[in-house]
Amino acid sequence: MSSRPRVPGALVALVTLFTAGYLAPYLLPTVVGRLSAGLGLTPAQAGLVGSVLLLGSSCAGFTLAAHGERIGPRRAARAGLLAMAVGYGSAAATGIVPLVVAGAVLGGLGSGTATAVAAAGIAGRPDPHRAATLGLLSVSATAGGLYLTLPHLSGGHAPPLFAIACAAALVWPLTARLPGSIREPREAAPTGPLPYRRAGAVLAGGILFWSLSQNALWGVSGRIGLTQAGLSEVTVGAVFAAALGAGLLGVTAAGALGSRLGRAVPIGMGTVLIAGCVLLSSAAGNLASFATGEILWNAVYPVVLSYLLGLAASLDPRGRWAVLVGSASSLGVACGPLAGSLLSEGAGYPGMGMTLCVLLLLVAIPMTAVARHVSGRPLVPGSVRRRGGAAGAVLAGTAAATPPTVPQMGAPEQEIAPIPAPAGRRRLAKSAFRLARPSDRG
């Protein structure tokens, strides 16, 4: 029986799982702001709680990168969603700070697990870039709707945390469409070294600081709008919703553009644009400048992120680099709120923005170099290098569906079967060999 009807269901499960896992970072400004206002924490303390939450997420991703193949996608996804529902739900139900922190850490572990499973599954899709784009579209739309809804609910820290717990519960039934394991029970575990170690390590290090820079601003954006720009919570929520709506348009454009520009141009130029938006948003003193910086920033950010995730997925079709790079990004996201709080308290919001702008410009260089390096060299060892040349390498690395006759990117080189020569004959005439044809039987 053909397995084609099950593919769309698996894609829907991966996209919704990606949405649930990424929802906590997307709601971070309102989570940090509500923790500060509802629990009486200082901005630095609230940022520390947000950092601890996201640190648990990154730790779960690194752990799953090493042991995910034994657990299986369905079991790992359900464990992550359960941890999210219990952790965030319990944190929302209490006002005792240590219990809130404990629940946030448990929920962060669940978010990281869900994100890692989704990232590994997306890396195994025929078109990882477009699959990541769908995930970013889904999480942007969900977070935008919540930013419009949460300001009208009761105050305190409970509503955003409870919303994330509900999202995890809603995604749970869809995990039935995920495979129970990544291989058949009797099949041996695939072996082989991690490909592109140097490029992957540089990409992971670059995306760590890339995510830290942006999430440092994202974690204090709510306070910039409320205190420096003098806006109300409803207005700030509307700006964030409009910004995430712009992100939807940006991701849609990235999905339509695909790999026409390669990955180096969107990653390099996009990061430069983001650096300018960070500088503008951090210095905002009124609604116009704050809204312009946030909307432009959020329109470009998911575009660059989709190309970074696609680049990580292209390094290893088994998804190991996708999980490791995603976890490095989560680690940067985790350090962002604390870094933003400390920088803003020490240098003010404009000084923080200048520092983050410089850091983004610096990390744009190695990440762009990795994108150019991987795109400009043969992506399949051996076979493409010998047979296809540069054109074959580009075709093997194309995000669109690749014909089955072309080796997939990162696939192991096919072994060459030795042909024993007849004894007593040192040289064989070329005419002794011919091409095999379908009609041959022997």
Protein backbone atom coordinates (compact mmCIF):
# COMPACT_ATOMS: atom_id res chain seq x y z
CA MET A 1 0.00 0.00 0.00
CA SER A 2 1.35 3.45 -0.87
CA SER A 3 2.31 5.74 1.97
CA ARG A 4 1.60 8.94 0.04
CA PRO A 5 -1.68 9.79 1.86
CA ARG A 6 0.17 9.85 5.19
CA VAL A 7 2.75 12.42 4.14
CA PRO A 8 0.52 15.54 4.45
CA GLY A 9 -0.60 14.39 7.90
CA ALA A 10 2.99 14.03 9.05
CA LEU A 11 3.80 17.50 7.71
CA VAL A 12 0.84 19.00 9.58
CA ALA A 13 2.02 17.30 12.77
CA LEU A 14 5.55 18.67 12.34
CA VAL A 15 4.33 22.20 11.63
CA THR A 16 2.00 22.28 14.65
CA LEU A 17 4.70 20.76 16.86
CA PHE A 18 7.12 23.42 15.63
CA THR A 19 4.50 26.06 16.49
CA ALA A 20 4.02 24.79 20.03
CA GLY A 21 7.76 24.57 20.66
CA TYR A 22 8.53 28.05 19.33
CA LEU A 23 5.56 29.77 21.01
CA ALA A 24 7.38 30.50 24.29
CA PRO A 25 10.23 32.48 22.62
CA TYR A 26 7.72 34.37 20.48
CA LEU A 27 5.68 35.37 23.55
CA LEU A 28 8.77 36.23 25.58
CA PRO A 29 8.21 40.02 25.78
CA THR A 30 4.77 39.66 27.32
CA VAL A 31 5.91 36.76 29.54
CA VAL A 32 8.83 38.78 30.94
CA GLY A 33 6.72 41.90 31.31
CA ARG A 34 3.93 40.04 33.10
CA LEU A 35 6.40 38.31 35.41
CA SER A 36 7.84 41.68 36.37
CA ALA A 37 4.46 43.35 36.91
CA GLY A 38 2.52 40.43 38.37
CA LEU A 39 5.12 38.98 40.72
CA GLY A 40 6.91 42.19 41.72
CA LEU A 41 10.21 41.18 40.14
CA THR A 42 12.79 43.65 38.92
CA PRO A 43 13.41 43.75 35.15
CA ALA A 44 16.70 41.86 35.61
CA GLN A 45 15.00 39.19 37.75
CA ALA A 46 12.16 38.77 35.24
CA GLY A 47 14.70 38.53 32.43
CA LEU A 48 16.57 35.89 34.41
CA VAL A 49 13.39 33.80 34.73
CA GLY A 50 12.87 34.07 30.98
CA SER A 51 16.48 33.06 30.38
CA VAL A 52 16.13 30.04 32.68
CA LEU A 53 12.98 28.99 30.81
CA LEU A 54 14.72 29.13 27.45
CA LEU A 55 17.91 27.58 28.83
CA GLY A 56 15.88 24.49 29.69
CA SER A 57 14.64 24.51 26.11
CA SER A 58 18.15 24.54 24.66
CA CYS A 59 19.35 21.81 27.06
CA ALA A 60 16.52 19.56 25.93
CA GLY A 61 17.49 20.12 22.31
CA PHE A 62 21.15 19.21 22.88
CA THR A 63 20.12 16.09 24.81
CA LEU A 64 17.70 14.96 22.13
CA ALA A 65 20.33 15.46 19.43
CA ALA A 66 22.35 12.66 21.05
CA HIS A 67 19.55 10.27 22.04
CA GLY A 68 16.61 11.15 19.79
CA GLU A 69 17.10 8.16 17.47
CA ARG A 70 16.52 5.72 20.33
CA ILE A 71 13.42 7.44 21.66
CA GLY A 72 11.51 7.95 18.43
CA PRO A 73 9.69 11.09 17.22
CA ARG A 74 6.22 10.26 18.54
CA ARG A 75 7.33 9.34 22.04
CA ALA A 76 9.69 12.32 22.32
CA ALA A 77 7.05 14.74 21.01
CA ARG A 78 4.45 13.50 23.49
CA ALA A 79 6.92 13.74 26.36
CA GLY A 80 7.76 17.31 25.38
CA LEU A 81 4.13 18.36 25.05
CA LEU A 82 3.29 16.80 28.40
CA ALA A 83 6.15 18.69 30.05
CA MET A 84 4.92 21.90 28.44
CA ALA A 85 1.34 21.45 29.60
CA VAL A 86 2.31 20.50 33.17
CA GLY A 87 5.16 23.02 33.52
CA TYR A 88 3.53 26.11 32.06
CA GLY A 89 0.15 25.20 33.52
CA SER A 90 1.53 24.85 37.04
CA ALA A 91 3.52 28.08 36.67
CA ALA A 92 0.34 29.88 35.64
CA ALA A 93 -1.62 28.45 38.57
CA THR A 94 0.63 29.74 41.37
CA GLY A 95 2.05 33.07 42.48
CA ILE A 96 4.95 31.62 44.48
CA VAL A 97 8.11 32.66 42.65
CA PRO A 98 10.16 29.44 43.20
CA LEU A 99 7.23 27.33 41.92
CA VAL A 100 6.78 29.64 38.94
CA VAL A 101 10.46 29.25 38.09
CA ALA A 102 10.30 25.47 38.49
CA GLY A 103 7.24 25.27 36.24
CA ALA A 104 8.89 27.53 33.68
CA VAL A 105 11.99 25.32 33.59
CA LEU A 106 9.89 22.18 33.11
CA GLY A 107 7.89 23.90 30.40
CA GLY A 108 11.11 25.07 28.75
CA LEU A 109 12.39 21.50 28.66
CA GLY A 110 9.17 20.50 26.94
CA SER A 111 9.41 23.35 24.43
CA GLY A 112 12.96 22.38 23.54
CA THR A 113 11.98 18.74 23.08
CA ALA A 114 9.06 19.62 20.82
CA THR A 115 11.20 21.99 18.77
CA ALA A 116 13.99 19.42 18.39
CA VAL A 117 11.60 16.72 17.18
CA ALA A 118 10.05 19.14 14.70
CA ALA A 119 13.47 20.32 13.47
CA ALA A 120 14.69 16.77 12.90
CA GLY A 121 11.49 15.89 11.06
CA ILE A 122 11.67 19.01 8.91
CA ALA A 123 15.29 18.19 8.00
CA GLY A 124 14.12 14.84 6.64
CA ARG A 125 11.49 16.39 4.36
CA PRO A 126 12.16 16.62 0.60
CA ASP A 127 12.02 20.43 0.90
CA PRO A 128 13.24 21.47 4.38
CA HIS A 129 13.26 25.20 3.62
CA ARG A 130 9.58 25.29 2.68
CA ALA A 131 8.66 23.07 5.63
CA ALA A 132 10.48 25.45 7.99
CA THR A 133 8.68 28.34 6.29
CA LEU A 134 5.30 26.75 7.03
CA GLY A 135 6.31 26.32 10.67
CA LEU A 136 7.32 29.97 10.97
CA LEU A 137 4.09 31.06 9.30
CA SER A 138 2.09 29.03 11.78
CA VAL A 139 3.89 30.26 14.89
CA SER A 140 3.82 33.88 13.70
CA ALA A 141 0.07 33.73 13.10
CA THR A 142 -0.57 32.08 16.47
CA ALA A 143 1.61 34.50 18.41
CA GLY A 144 0.09 37.48 16.58
CA GLY A 145 -3.41 36.38 17.57
CA LEU A 146 -2.32 35.98 21.18
CA TYR A 147 -0.73 39.44 21.24
CA LEU A 148 -4.09 40.86 20.21
CA THR A 149 -5.95 38.79 22.83
CA LEU A 150 -3.75 38.77 25.94
CA PRO A 151 -3.95 42.53 26.75
CA HIS A 152 -7.73 42.17 27.11
CA LEU A 153 -7.46 39.33 29.63
CA SER A 154 -6.77 39.62 33.34
CA GLY A 155 -3.42 40.99 34.47
CA GLY A 156 -0.67 38.95 36.05
CA HIS A 157 1.69 36.34 34.73
CA ALA A 158 -0.88 33.55 34.24
CA PRO A 159 -2.52 34.26 30.82
CA PRO A 160 0.55 33.91 28.52
CA LEU A 161 1.83 30.83 30.34
CA PHE A 162 -1.61 29.24 30.31
CA ALA A 163 -1.92 29.97 26.58
CA ILE A 164 1.32 28.07 25.87
CA ALA A 165 0.10 25.13 27.99
CA CYS A 166 -3.18 25.05 26.04
CA ALA A 167 -1.28 25.07 22.73
CA ALA A 168 0.67 22.00 23.84
CA ALA A 169 -2.56 20.20 24.79
CA LEU A 170 -4.15 21.03 21.42
CA VAL A 171 -1.16 19.68 19.47
CA TRP A 172 -1.06 16.38 21.41
CA PRO A 173 -3.64 14.48 19.25
CA LEU A 174 -1.68 15.25 16.08
CA THR A 175 1.37 13.37 17.38
CA ALA A 176 -0.36 10.14 16.32
CA ARG A 177 0.68 11.06 12.77
CA LEU A 178 4.36 11.01 13.69
CA PRO A 179 6.34 7.78 13.24
CA GLY A 180 6.91 5.68 16.33
CA SER A 181 10.57 5.27 15.39
CA ILE A 182 12.84 6.57 12.66
CA ARG A 183 13.70 3.08 11.42
CA GLU A 184 12.27 -0.41 11.41
CA PRO A 185 12.75 -2.39 14.64
CA ARG A 186 15.12 -4.88 13.04
CA GLU A 187 17.06 -2.30 11.10
CA ALA A 188 20.49 -1.42 12.44
CA ALA A 189 21.09 2.12 13.56
CA PRO A 190 22.67 4.20 10.80
CA THR A 191 26.29 5.02 11.37
CA GLY A 192 28.64 7.58 9.98
CA PRO A 193 30.47 10.68 11.13
CA LEU A 194 28.73 14.01 11.38
CA PRO A 195 29.25 15.71 8.01
CA TYR A 196 30.51 19.27 7.54
CA ARG A 197 31.79 19.53 11.11
CA ARG A 198 33.67 22.78 10.64
CA ALA A 199 30.88 24.51 8.72
CA GLY A 200 28.27 23.22 11.16
CA ALA A 201 30.26 24.35 14.19
CA VAL A 202 30.72 27.85 12.73
CA LEU A 203 27.01 28.02 11.88
CA ALA A 204 26.03 26.90 15.38
CA GLY A 205 28.32 29.46 17.01
CA GLY A 206 27.12 32.23 14.72
CA ILE A 207 23.43 31.53 15.24
CA LEU A 208 23.98 31.47 19.01
CA PHE A 209 25.10 35.12 19.00
CA TRP A 210 22.62 35.98 16.24
CA SER A 211 19.74 34.75 18.38
CA LEU A 212 21.17 36.28 21.56
CA SER A 213 21.41 39.72 19.93
CA GLN A 214 17.86 39.76 18.70
CA ASN A 215 16.26 38.15 21.72
CA ALA A 216 18.08 40.61 23.99
CA LEU A 217 16.03 43.34 22.33
CA TRP A 218 12.89 41.20 21.97
CA GLY A 219 12.93 40.47 25.69
CA VAL A 220 12.83 44.18 26.59
CA SER A 221 10.79 45.45 23.62
CA GLY A 222 7.68 45.57 25.75
CA ARG A 223 9.40 47.76 28.33
CA ILE A 224 10.79 50.02 25.58
CA GLY A 225 7.29 50.59 24.29
CA LEU A 226 5.79 51.13 27.74
CA THR A 227 8.49 53.27 29.35
CA GLN A 228 10.65 54.89 26.67
CA ALA A 229 7.96 55.36 23.98
CA GLY A 230 5.18 55.99 26.51
CA LEU A 231 2.63 53.60 24.99
CA SER A 232 -0.13 51.57 26.66
CA GLU A 233 -0.09 47.78 26.90
CA VAL A 234 -2.91 47.54 24.36
CA THR A 235 -0.98 49.69 21.89
CA VAL A 236 2.22 47.71 22.41
CA GLY A 237 0.30 44.47 21.88
CA ALA A 238 -1.19 45.84 18.66
CA VAL A 239 2.29 46.81 17.44
CA PHE A 240 3.60 43.33 18.18
CA ALA A 241 0.63 41.76 16.38
CA ALA A 242 1.25 43.99 13.34
CA ALA A 243 4.94 43.09 13.49
CA LEU A 244 4.17 39.38 13.49
CA GLY A 245 1.73 39.97 10.65
CA ALA A 246 4.57 41.54 8.71
CA GLY A 247 6.56 38.44 9.60
CA LEU A 248 3.87 36.34 7.92
CA LEU A 249 4.30 38.35 4.74
CA GLY A 250 8.07 38.04 4.95
CA VAL A 251 7.99 34.28 5.43
CA THR A 252 5.49 33.93 2.58
CA ALA A 253 7.83 35.88 0.33
CA ALA A 254 10.75 33.70 1.43
CA GLY A 255 8.76 30.57 0.64
CA ALA A 256 7.89 31.90 -2.81
CA LEU A 257 11.47 32.97 -3.45
CA GLY A 258 12.88 29.61 -2.37
CA SER A 259 16.50 29.07 -3.35
CA ARG A 260 16.57 31.47 -6.32
CA LEU A 261 18.99 33.80 -4.51
CA GLY A 262 20.81 30.98 -2.75
CA ARG A 263 21.27 31.23 1.01
CA ALA A 264 24.24 33.58 1.37
CA VAL A 265 22.46 36.72 0.11
CA PRO A 266 19.31 36.38 2.30
CA ILE A 267 21.38 35.49 5.38
CA GLY A 268 24.02 38.21 4.95
CA MET A 269 21.89 41.09 3.70
CA GLY A 270 19.00 40.13 5.97
CA THR A 271 21.20 40.23 9.07
CA VAL A 272 22.50 43.68 8.08
CA LEU A 273 18.90 44.94 7.74
CA ILE A 274 18.02 43.41 11.11
CA ALA A 275 20.95 45.24 12.72
CA GLY A 276 19.58 48.55 11.45
CA CYS A 277 16.08 47.70 12.72
CA VAL A 278 17.48 46.83 16.15
CA LEU A 279 19.21 50.21 16.31
CA LEU A 280 16.01 52.02 15.31
CA SER A 281 13.72 50.13 17.69
CA SER A 282 16.01 50.49 20.71
CA ALA A 283 16.16 54.28 20.27
CA ALA A 284 12.39 54.69 19.71
CA GLY A 285 10.79 57.54 21.61
CA ASN A 286 7.31 57.55 20.09
CA LEU A 287 4.78 55.28 18.40
CA ALA A 288 6.01 55.92 14.84
CA SER A 289 9.65 55.00 15.44
CA PHE A 290 8.78 52.09 17.74
CA ALA A 291 6.25 50.60 15.31
CA THR A 292 8.54 51.11 12.30
CA GLY A 293 11.49 49.40 13.94
CA GLU A 294 9.47 46.48 15.31
CA ILE A 295 7.50 45.85 12.12
CA LEU A 296 10.50 46.00 9.78
CA TRP A 297 12.55 43.89 12.16
CA ASN A 298 9.91 41.17 12.48
CA ALA A 299 9.34 41.17 8.73
CA VAL A 300 12.99 40.31 8.05
CA TYR A 301 13.81 38.16 11.08
CA PRO A 302 11.76 35.03 10.18
CA VAL A 303 12.98 35.22 6.58
CA VAL A 304 16.62 34.97 7.65
CA LEU A 305 15.74 32.35 10.27
CA SER A 306 14.04 30.16 7.66
CA TYR A 307 17.19 30.23 5.50
CA LEU A 308 19.39 29.48 8.52
CA LEU A 309 17.20 26.50 9.45
CA GLY A 310 17.23 25.32 5.85
CA LEU A 311 21.03 25.65 5.75
CA ALA A 312 21.36 23.62 8.94
CA ALA A 313 19.02 20.96 7.59
CA SER A 314 21.02 20.74 4.36
CA LEU A 315 24.21 19.84 6.22
CA ASP A 316 22.87 16.46 7.33
CA PRO A 317 19.68 14.76 6.02
CA ARG A 318 19.40 12.80 9.30
CA GLY A 319 18.69 16.09 11.06
CA ARG A 320 21.60 16.09 13.51
CA TRP A 321 22.89 19.50 12.49
CA ALA A 322 19.34 20.84 12.37
CA VAL A 323 18.84 19.86 16.02
CA LEU A 324 22.28 21.07 17.13
CA VAL A 325 21.98 24.42 15.34
CA GLY A 326 18.42 24.83 16.62
CA SER A 327 19.61 24.11 20.15
CA ALA A 328 22.43 26.62 19.79
CA SER A 329 19.85 29.14 18.67
CA SER A 330 17.74 28.28 21.73
CA LEU A 331 20.80 28.79 23.93
CA GLY A 332 21.27 32.26 22.45
CA VAL A 333 17.56 32.95 22.89
CA ALA A 334 17.86 31.82 26.51
CA CYS A 335 20.69 34.24 27.24
CA GLY A 336 18.92 37.07 25.42
CA PRO A 337 16.49 38.34 28.08
CA LEU A 338 19.16 38.51 30.77
CA ALA A 339 21.66 40.12 28.39
CA GLY A 340 19.08 42.66 27.29
CA SER A 341 18.10 43.50 30.86
CA LEU A 342 21.72 43.95 31.98
CA LEU A 343 22.70 45.99 28.92
CA SER A 344 19.64 48.23 29.16
CA GLU A 345 20.21 48.87 32.86
CA GLY A 346 23.90 49.61 32.33
CA ALA A 347 23.90 51.56 29.05
CA GLY A 348 20.27 52.45 28.49
CA TYR A 349 18.13 51.19 25.62
CA PRO A 350 19.97 53.13 22.86
CA GLY A 351 23.37 51.93 24.13
CA MET A 352 22.06 48.38 24.25
CA GLY A 353 20.83 48.71 20.66
CA MET A 354 24.23 49.96 19.45
CA THR A 355 26.00 47.04 21.11
CA LEU A 356 23.60 44.49 19.62
CA CYS A 357 23.85 46.12 16.19
CA VAL A 358 27.63 45.74 16.15
CA LEU A 359 27.40 42.12 17.31
CA LEU A 360 24.90 41.28 14.55
CA LEU A 361 27.17 42.80 11.90
CA LEU A 362 30.08 40.74 13.19
CA VAL A 363 28.22 37.39 13.18
CA ALA A 364 26.82 38.06 9.70
CA ILE A 365 30.29 37.50 8.24
CA PRO A 366 30.93 33.86 9.30
CA MET A 367 27.33 32.77 8.72
CA THR A 368 27.38 34.18 5.19
CA ALA A 369 30.74 32.49 4.62
CA VAL A 370 29.25 29.13 5.65
CA ALA A 371 26.32 29.61 3.29
CA ARG A 372 28.69 30.44 0.41
CA HIS A 373 31.03 27.59 1.31
CA VAL A 374 28.34 24.92 1.41
CA SER A 375 26.53 26.25 -1.66
CA GLY A 376 29.71 26.60 -3.70
CA ARG A 377 31.23 23.17 -3.10
CA PRO A 378 30.00 19.69 -4.09
CA LEU A 379 27.38 18.72 -1.54
CA VAL A 380 27.54 14.99 -2.11
CA PRO A 381 30.92 13.38 -1.54
CA GLY A 382 32.42 11.50 -4.43
CA SER A 383 29.61 10.86 -6.86
CA VAL A 384 28.68 14.46 -7.60
CA ARG A 385 32.32 15.49 -7.64
CA ARG A 386 33.21 12.86 -10.21
CA ARG A 387 30.05 12.82 -12.31
CA GLY A 388 28.08 16.01 -11.88
CA GLY A 389 30.61 18.77 -11.29
CA ALA A 390 29.33 22.11 -10.04
CA ALA A 391 25.98 21.70 -11.76
CA GLY A 392 25.40 18.36 -10.10
CA ALA A 393 26.30 19.80 -6.71
CA VAL A 394 23.81 22.63 -7.15
CA LEU A 395 21.12 20.20 -8.27
CA ALA A 396 21.79 17.89 -5.34
CA GLY A 397 21.49 20.79 -2.92
CA THR A 398 18.37 22.35 -4.42
CA ALA A 399 15.52 22.71 -1.97
CA ALA A 400 12.96 21.61 -4.54
CA ALA A 401 12.12 17.97 -5.01
CA THR A 402 15.16 16.24 -6.48
CA PRO A 403 14.81 13.41 -9.00
CA PRO A 404 15.57 10.01 -7.46
CA THR A 405 18.48 9.49 -9.84
CA VAL A 406 20.38 12.42 -8.31
CA PRO A 407 22.14 11.66 -5.01
CA GLN A 408 20.61 13.56 -2.11
CA MET A 409 22.72 16.06 -0.22
CA GLY A 410 24.75 14.41 2.51
CA ALA A 411 23.97 10.91 1.24
CA PRO A 412 26.81 8.38 1.68
CA GLU A 413 28.83 7.64 -1.40
CA GLN A 414 27.74 4.46 -3.15
CA GLU A 415 30.17 1.61 -2.86
CA ILE A 416 31.86 0.31 -6.00
CA ALA A 417 31.58 -3.46 -6.37
CA PRO A 418 34.94 -5.07 -7.23
CA ILE A 419 35.04 -7.23 -10.38
CA PRO A 420 37.47 -10.14 -10.08
CA ALA A 421 39.74 -10.58 -13.10
CA PRO A 422 40.12 -14.08 -14.56
CA ALA A 423 43.24 -15.83 -13.37
CA GLY A 424 46.23 -15.84 -15.65
CA ARG A 425 45.26 -12.67 -17.55
CA ARG A 426 46.89 -9.45 -16.46
CA ARG A 427 45.16 -7.22 -18.95
CA LEU A 428 41.60 -7.33 -20.19
CA ALA A 429 40.45 -5.79 -23.42
CA LYS A 430 37.95 -2.93 -23.13
CA SER A 431 35.58 -4.91 -25.35
CA ALA A 432 35.28 -7.52 -22.62
CA PHE A 433 33.00 -5.16 -20.65
CA ARG A 434 29.66 -3.63 -21.64
CA LEU A 435 26.89 -1.65 -20.00
CA ALA A 436 24.21 -3.56 -18.12
CA ARG A 437 20.72 -3.25 -19.57
CA PRO A 438 17.25 -4.14 -18.22
CA SER A 439 17.10 -7.08 -20.57
CA ASP A 440 20.25 -8.67 -19.12
CA ARG A 441 19.61 -11.68 -16.89
CA GLY A 442 22.75 -12.83 -15.31
